[in-house]
C-alpha atoms as a PDB file:
ATOM      1  CA  MET A   1      22.745  -6.187  16.622  1.00  0.00           C
ATOM      2  CA  MET A   2      19.760  -3.889  16.570  1.00  0.00           C
ATOM      3  CA  GLN A   3      16.388  -5.598  16.082  1.00  0.00           C
ATOM      4  CA  LYS A   4      13.879  -3.778  13.846  1.00  0.00           C
ATOM      5  CA  TRP A   5      10.804  -4.458  11.732  1.00  0.00           C
ATOM      6  CA  GLY A   6       8.695  -6.585  14.012  1.00  0.00           C
ATOM      7  CA  GLY A   7      11.604  -7.861  16.094  1.00  0.00           C
ATOM      8  CA  LYS A   8      13.495  -9.327  13.127  1.00  0.00           C
ATOM      9  CA  SER A   9      16.973  -8.429  12.012  1.00  0.00           C
ATOM     10  CA  ARG A  10      17.825  -7.645   8.399  1.00  0.00           C
ATOM     11  CA  ASN A  11      19.403 -11.067   8.040  1.00  0.00           C
ATOM     12  CA  ALA A  12      16.217 -12.789   9.261  1.00  0.00           C
ATOM     13  CA  LEU A  13      14.091 -10.716   6.875  1.00  0.00           C
ATOM     14  CA  ARG A  14      16.284 -11.692   3.916  1.00  0.00           C
ATOM     15  CA  LYS A  15      15.666 -15.385   4.665  1.00  0.00           C
ATOM     16  CA  THR A  16      11.874 -15.011   4.525  1.00  0.00           C
ATOM     17  CA  SER A  17       9.455 -13.767   1.904  1.00  0.00           C
ATOM     18  CA  ASN A  18       8.338 -11.113   4.427  1.00  0.00           C
ATOM     19  CA  ARG A  19       4.756 -11.435   3.200  1.00  0.00           C
ATOM     20  CA  GLY A  20       3.180 -10.695   6.552  1.00  0.00           C
ATOM     21  CA  THR A  21       0.085  -8.592   7.039  1.00  0.00           C
ATOM     22  CA  GLY A  22       2.068  -5.392   7.472  1.00  0.00           C
ATOM     23  CA  ASP A  23       0.464  -4.761  10.854  1.00  0.00           C
ATOM     24  CA  ASP A  24       3.942  -4.400  12.360  1.00  0.00           C
ATOM     25  CA  HIS A  25       4.297  -1.000  10.681  1.00  0.00           C
ATOM     26  CA  ILE A  26       0.685   0.168  10.177  1.00  0.00           C
ATOM     27  CA  PHE A  27       1.317   2.937  12.737  1.00  0.00           C
ATOM     28  CA  GLN A  28       3.537   4.652  10.141  1.00  0.00           C
ATOM     29  CA  LEU A  29       0.541   5.107   7.820  1.00  0.00           C
ATOM     30  CA  GLU A  30      -1.768   6.858  10.308  1.00  0.00           C
ATOM     31  CA  GLY A  31      -2.914  10.200   8.922  1.00  0.00           C
ATOM     32  CA  ALA A  32      -2.112   9.333   5.300  1.00  0.00           C
ATOM     33  CA  GLN A  33      -4.136  11.115   2.628  1.00  0.00           C
ATOM     34  CA  ARG A  34      -2.850   8.887  -0.167  1.00  0.00           C
ATOM     35  CA  LEU A  35      -1.783   5.250  -0.419  1.00  0.00           C
ATOM     36  CA  SER A  36      -0.325   4.022  -3.700  1.00  0.00           C
ATOM     37  CA  ILE A  37       0.014   0.324  -4.478  1.00  0.00           C
ATOM     38  CA  PHE A  38       2.323  -0.564  -7.366  1.00  0.00           C
ATOM     39  CA  ILE A  39       1.355  -3.380  -9.724  1.00  0.00           C
ATOM     40  CA  PRO A  40       4.146  -5.134 -11.681  1.00  0.00           C
ATOM     41  CA  PRO A  41       3.730  -5.673 -15.422  1.00  0.00           C
ATOM     42  CA  ASN A  42       1.782  -8.758 -16.547  1.00  0.00           C
ATOM     43  CA  SER A  43       0.261  -9.255 -13.083  1.00  0.00           C
ATOM     44  CA  ARG A  44      -3.308 -10.157 -12.276  1.00  0.00           C
ATOM     45  CA  ILE A  45      -4.654  -8.337  -9.259  1.00  0.00           C
ATOM     46  CA  ARG A  46      -7.135 -10.624  -7.574  1.00  0.00           C
ATOM     47  CA  GLY A  47      -9.572  -9.076  -5.163  1.00  0.00           C
ATOM     48  CA  TYR A  48      -9.392  -5.541  -6.555  1.00  0.00           C
ATOM     49  CA  LYS A  49     -13.158  -5.174  -7.034  1.00  0.00           C
ATOM     50  CA  GLU A  50     -13.883  -6.212  -3.451  1.00  0.00           C
ATOM     51  CA  LEU A  51     -11.148  -3.933  -2.132  1.00  0.00           C
ATOM     52  CA  SER A  52     -12.402  -0.923  -4.092  1.00  0.00           C
ATOM     53  CA  THR A  53     -15.998  -1.521  -2.963  1.00  0.00           C
ATOM     54  CA  HIS A  54     -14.943  -1.616   0.693  1.00  0.00           C
ATOM     55  CA  LEU A  55     -12.700   1.439   0.377  1.00  0.00           C
ATOM     56  CA  GLU A  56     -15.402   3.482  -1.357  1.00  0.00           C
ATOM     57  CA  SER A  57     -17.715   2.733   1.579  1.00  0.00           C
ATOM     58  CA  TYR A  58     -15.124   4.552   3.754  1.00  0.00           C
ATOM     59  CA  GLY A  59     -15.276   7.593   1.457  1.00  0.00           C
ATOM     60  CA  CYS A  60     -12.031   6.916  -0.395  1.00  0.00           C
ATOM     61  CA  THR A  61     -11.419   7.683  -4.055  1.00  0.00           C
ATOM     62  CA  ILE A  62      -9.758   4.786  -5.902  1.00  0.00           C
ATOM     63  CA  THR A  63      -8.035   5.276  -9.247  1.00  0.00           C
ATOM     64  CA  TYR A  64      -6.603   2.419 -11.311  1.00  0.00           C
ATOM     65  CA  PRO A  65      -4.456   2.873 -13.245  1.00  0.00           C
ATOM     66  CA  SER A  66      -3.415   6.115 -11.630  1.00  0.00           C
ATOM     67  CA  LYS A  67      -2.325   8.987 -13.879  1.00  0.00           C
ATOM     68  CA  SER A  68      -1.364  11.265 -10.982  1.00  0.00           C
ATOM     69  CA  LEU A  69       2.055  12.879 -11.536  1.00  0.00           C
ATOM     70  CA  GLU A  70       3.033  12.320  -7.893  1.00  0.00           C
ATOM     71  CA  VAL A  71       2.294   8.608  -8.180  1.00  0.00           C
ATOM     72  CA  LEU A  72       3.911   8.231 -11.604  1.00  0.00           C
ATOM     73  CA  ARG A  73       7.154   9.672 -10.191  1.00  0.00           C
ATOM     74  CA  GLU A  74       7.159   6.989  -7.498  1.00  0.00           C
ATOM     75  CA  LEU A  75       6.804   4.009  -9.861  1.00  0.00           C
ATOM     76  CA  PRO A  76       9.720   1.541  -9.579  1.00  0.00           C
ATOM     77  CA  THR A  77       9.905   1.373 -13.407  1.00  0.00           C
ATOM     78  CA  ALA A  78       7.785   2.755 -16.233  1.00  0.00           C
ATOM     79  CA  SER A  79       6.243  -0.682 -16.866  1.00  0.00           C
ATOM     80  CA  PHE A  80       4.498  -0.696 -13.455  1.00  0.00           C
ATOM     81  CA  THR A  81       0.986   0.662 -12.904  1.00  0.00           C
ATOM     82  CA  ALA A  82      -0.461   2.002  -9.670  1.00  0.00           C
ATOM     83  CA  ILE A  83      -3.643   1.867  -7.659  1.00  0.00           C
ATOM     84  CA  ASN A  84      -4.170   5.235  -6.000  1.00  0.00           C
ATOM     85  CA  ILE A  85      -6.313   5.441  -2.840  1.00  0.00           C
ATOM     86  CA  GLU A  86      -7.062   8.979  -1.630  1.00  0.00           C
ATOM     87  CA  SER A  87      -9.148  10.919   0.850  1.00  0.00           C
ATOM     88  CA  LYS A  88      -8.950  14.688   1.396  1.00  0.00           C
ATOM     89  CA  GLU A  89      -9.506  14.421   5.158  1.00  0.00           C
ATOM     90  CA  GLY A  90      -7.159  11.466   5.571  1.00  0.00           C
ATOM     91  CA  ILE A  91      -7.886   7.797   5.016  1.00  0.00           C
ATOM     92  CA  GLU A  92      -9.591   6.149   7.984  1.00  0.00           C
ATOM     93  CA  ILE A  93      -7.338   3.711   9.821  1.00  0.00           C
ATOM     94  CA  GLU A  94      -9.661   0.752   9.096  1.00  0.00           C
ATOM     95  CA  ALA A  95      -9.509   1.484   5.348  1.00  0.00           C
ATOM     96  CA  LEU A  96      -5.731   1.978   5.500  1.00  0.00           C
ATOM     97  CA  GLN A  97      -5.305  -1.302   7.322  1.00  0.00           C
ATOM     98  CA  MET A  98      -7.493  -3.122   4.789  1.00  0.00           C
ATOM     99  CA  ALA A  99      -5.600  -1.751   1.758  1.00  0.00           C
ATOM    100  CA  HIS A 100      -2.224  -2.212   3.418  1.00  0.00           C
ATOM    101  CA  ARG A 101      -2.956  -5.840   4.300  1.00  0.00           C
ATOM    102  CA  TRP A 102      -4.198  -6.402   0.743  1.00  0.00           C
ATOM    103  CA  ALA A 103      -0.889  -5.092  -0.648  1.00  0.00           C
ATOM    104  CA  HIS A 104       1.192  -7.186   1.753  1.00  0.00           C
ATOM    105  CA  GLN A 105      -0.762 -10.371   1.047  1.00  0.00           C
ATOM    106  CA  ARG A 106       0.027  -9.944  -2.655  1.00  0.00           C
ATOM    107  CA  ASN A 107       3.644  -8.913  -2.023  1.00  0.00           C
ATOM    108  CA  LEU A 108       3.115  -5.540  -3.748  1.00  0.00           C
ATOM    109  CA  LEU A 109       5.207  -2.429  -3.291  1.00  0.00           C
ATOM    110  CA  HIS A 110       3.372   0.538  -1.796  1.00  0.00           C
ATOM    111  CA  SER A 111       3.950   4.101  -0.649  1.00  0.00           C
ATOM    112  CA  PHE A 112       1.953   6.708   1.213  1.00  0.00           C
ATOM    113  CA  PHE A 113       1.708  10.465   1.643  1.00  0.00           C
ATOM    114  CA  ILE A 114       1.129  12.199   4.979  1.00  0.00           C
ATOM    115  CA  PRO A 115       0.824  16.014   4.838  1.00  0.00           C
ATOM    116  CA  LEU A 116       3.011  18.009   7.204  1.00  0.00           C
END
């Protein structure tokens, strides 16, 4: 059987909460201009203020809740909201890693956009 996703098979991933740091696939986000983190309904997002302060120091624009049409199309359901993190030149890898870890620690869905 083929081993993926940090050396774990699909069966092994199903048996865990898979709430790691996400560092096993951070390389996929390099060069992203947008990272969207989806917040389920009736959820409290702890640590958002600290995250946004750190990301703004890297020159990122943070929007919550996002009203961007691209992000709204990606929502799992209409009851979700989204945090949108953007940078025209591309989000620095340290900022991406910070936001990505934050999403993984809270078990939140996320997506990203890398221009061609």
